[in-house]
Amino acid sequence: MADYLCVSRTSYFRVKDEEEFRKVVGCILGDVDVWEQTGDDGVKRLAIGGYDIMTAFECGEDEDPEFYEKFGGITETAKAIQLCLTDDEVAFIFEAGHEKPRYVCGWACMITPKDIQYMDLHQWAIEKCEQLGLPVPQMDY
């Protein structure tokens, strides 16, 4: 079996507390970087990404008690990001990966302060074929 290789990143988004967000990024089980961007509106936005899976999250008990109380039971990065967003913000996580050419996948996750939704690229293709009355082709090998 070959190795799964991927690239993951988020959109740029505003956070309530940058220092806390950077601690959250340190708890992501994957090698990711933080990027900063200041928009035309003068507001700083942050994004994360890297050549690794970034869906798993783990906050150790050695974190400060207040941080651990807020993030300690969380296992998904999307949920941790959700707790950092400003009230009127949206963030997206995108991942595309492959295991040789026989398995190619992608997904997106939309995160708002009140909701988290995932969309799988293969599932989207199947749904579009069904909507258009087209046969669903074989997409894996």
Protein backbone atom coordinates (compact mmCIF):
# COMPACT_ATOMS: atom_id res chain seq x y z
CA MET A 1 0.00 0.00 0.00
CA ALA A 2 1.30 3.44 -0.96
CA ASP A 3 1.46 6.50 1.30
CA TYR A 4 -1.34 9.04 1.33
CA LEU A 5 0.01 12.49 0.44
CA CYS A 6 -1.99 15.67 0.73
CA VAL A 7 -1.97 19.41 0.99
CA SER A 8 -4.33 21.25 3.34
CA ARG A 9 -5.05 24.90 3.93
CA THR A 10 -7.70 27.26 5.22
CA SER A 11 -9.09 30.49 3.92
CA TYR A 12 -8.02 33.66 5.69
CA PHE A 13 -10.28 34.56 8.64
CA ARG A 14 -10.52 36.82 11.68
CA VAL A 15 -10.06 35.42 15.18
CA LYS A 16 -11.08 36.79 18.58
CA ASP A 17 -7.67 36.20 20.19
CA GLU A 18 -4.59 35.73 18.01
CA GLU A 19 -2.41 34.39 20.83
CA GLU A 20 -5.02 31.74 21.70
CA PHE A 21 -5.40 30.83 18.01
CA ARG A 22 -1.66 30.31 17.65
CA LYS A 23 -1.80 27.92 20.65
CA VAL A 24 -4.66 26.10 18.90
CA VAL A 25 -2.49 25.71 15.78
CA GLY A 26 0.20 24.15 17.99
CA CYS A 27 -2.29 21.42 18.97
CA ILE A 28 -3.06 20.39 15.38
CA LEU A 29 -1.65 16.91 14.71
CA GLY A 30 0.05 17.79 11.45
CA ASP A 31 2.83 20.02 10.22
CA VAL A 32 1.13 23.33 9.46
CA ASP A 33 2.16 26.97 9.22
CA VAL A 34 0.30 30.17 10.07
CA TRP A 35 0.03 32.95 7.48
CA GLU A 36 -1.06 36.54 8.07
CA GLN A 37 -2.76 38.92 5.67
CA THR A 38 -4.05 42.44 6.16
CA GLY A 39 -6.98 43.23 3.87
CA ASP A 40 -7.91 46.48 2.18
CA ASP A 41 -10.08 47.13 5.23
CA GLY A 42 -6.96 47.17 7.45
CA VAL A 43 -8.03 44.05 9.37
CA LYS A 44 -5.55 41.25 10.00
CA ARG A 45 -6.69 37.77 8.99
CA LEU A 46 -4.94 34.47 9.60
CA ALA A 47 -4.79 31.19 7.67
CA ILE A 48 -3.09 27.85 8.24
CA GLY A 49 -1.88 25.19 5.88
CA GLY A 50 0.79 22.71 4.97
CA TYR A 51 1.71 19.46 3.29
CA ASP A 52 -0.06 17.31 5.84
CA ILE A 53 -3.47 16.25 7.09
CA MET A 54 -4.75 18.85 9.54
CA THR A 55 -8.07 17.43 10.67
CA ALA A 56 -6.91 15.87 13.96
CA PHE A 57 -6.54 18.01 17.06
CA GLU A 58 -5.25 17.19 20.53
CA CYS A 59 -4.79 19.50 23.46
CA GLY A 60 -2.57 18.10 26.20
CA GLU A 61 -3.34 18.50 29.87
CA ASP A 62 -0.03 20.32 30.28
CA GLU A 63 -1.62 23.39 28.65
CA ASP A 64 -2.74 26.18 30.94
CA PRO A 65 -5.98 25.21 32.74
CA GLU A 66 -8.18 27.83 31.07
CA PHE A 67 -7.00 26.82 27.58
CA TYR A 68 -7.40 23.11 28.40
CA GLU A 69 -10.91 23.67 29.75
CA LYS A 70 -11.93 25.32 26.47
CA PHE A 71 -10.12 23.02 24.01
CA GLY A 72 -9.29 19.85 25.99
CA GLY A 73 -12.04 17.53 24.75
CA ILE A 74 -11.87 18.59 21.11
CA THR A 75 -10.55 16.10 18.53
CA GLU A 76 -11.33 17.95 15.28
CA THR A 77 -9.46 21.00 14.05
CA ALA A 78 -12.68 22.48 12.60
CA LYS A 79 -14.28 22.62 16.06
CA ALA A 80 -11.19 24.30 17.54
CA ILE A 81 -11.18 26.90 14.74
CA GLN A 82 -14.90 27.47 15.31
CA LEU A 83 -14.24 28.51 18.92
CA CYS A 84 -11.67 31.08 17.73
CA LEU A 85 -13.75 32.81 15.04
CA THR A 86 -15.24 36.26 15.47
CA ASP A 87 -19.04 36.25 15.57
CA ASP A 88 -19.57 37.24 11.92
CA GLU A 89 -16.75 35.23 10.31
CA VAL A 90 -16.56 32.15 8.10
CA ALA A 91 -13.53 29.91 7.55
CA PHE A 92 -12.96 27.12 5.07
CA ILE A 93 -10.60 24.15 5.25
CA PHE A 94 -9.60 22.56 1.94
CA GLU A 95 -7.72 19.30 1.46
CA ALA A 96 -6.65 17.49 -1.68
CA GLY A 97 -4.72 14.26 -1.57
CA HIS A 98 -3.76 11.09 -3.34
CA GLU A 99 -2.37 7.62 -2.95
CA LYS A 100 -0.63 7.16 -6.28
CA PRO A 101 -3.11 7.90 -9.10
CA ARG A 102 -5.57 5.19 -8.04
CA TYR A 103 -7.02 7.15 -5.12
CA VAL A 104 -7.47 10.90 -5.50
CA CYS A 105 -9.73 12.79 -3.12
CA GLY A 106 -10.65 16.19 -1.90
CA TRP A 107 -12.98 17.81 0.56
CA ALA A 108 -13.94 21.18 1.95
CA CYS A 109 -15.27 22.23 5.32
CA MET A 110 -17.21 25.42 6.00
CA ILE A 111 -16.93 26.72 9.58
CA THR A 112 -19.06 29.47 11.10
CA PRO A 113 -19.47 30.29 14.80
CA LYS A 114 -22.71 28.24 14.78
CA ASP A 115 -22.18 25.46 12.22
CA ILE A 116 -19.65 23.12 10.63
CA GLN A 117 -20.38 21.43 7.28
CA TYR A 118 -18.23 19.07 5.21
CA MET A 119 -18.37 18.38 1.49
CA ASP A 120 -16.57 15.43 -0.11
CA LEU A 121 -15.53 15.92 -3.75
CA HIS A 122 -16.51 12.40 -4.85
CA GLN A 123 -19.92 12.68 -3.16
CA TRP A 124 -20.46 16.03 -4.86
CA ALA A 125 -19.67 14.46 -8.28
CA ILE A 126 -22.12 11.61 -7.63
CA GLU A 127 -24.87 14.03 -6.60
CA LYS A 128 -24.30 16.16 -9.73
CA CYS A 129 -24.54 13.08 -12.00
CA GLU A 130 -27.79 12.07 -10.30
CA GLN A 131 -29.21 15.61 -10.62
CA LEU A 132 -28.43 15.64 -14.34
CA GLY A 133 -29.69 12.08 -14.91
CA LEU A 134 -26.25 10.86 -15.95
CA PRO A 135 -24.71 7.50 -15.01
CA VAL A 136 -22.14 7.68 -12.24
CA PRO A 137 -18.75 6.63 -13.65
CA GLN A 138 -16.25 4.52 -11.74
CA MET A 139 -14.01 6.96 -9.92
CA ASP A 140 -11.72 4.59 -7.98
CA TYR A 141 -9.49 1.74 -9.09
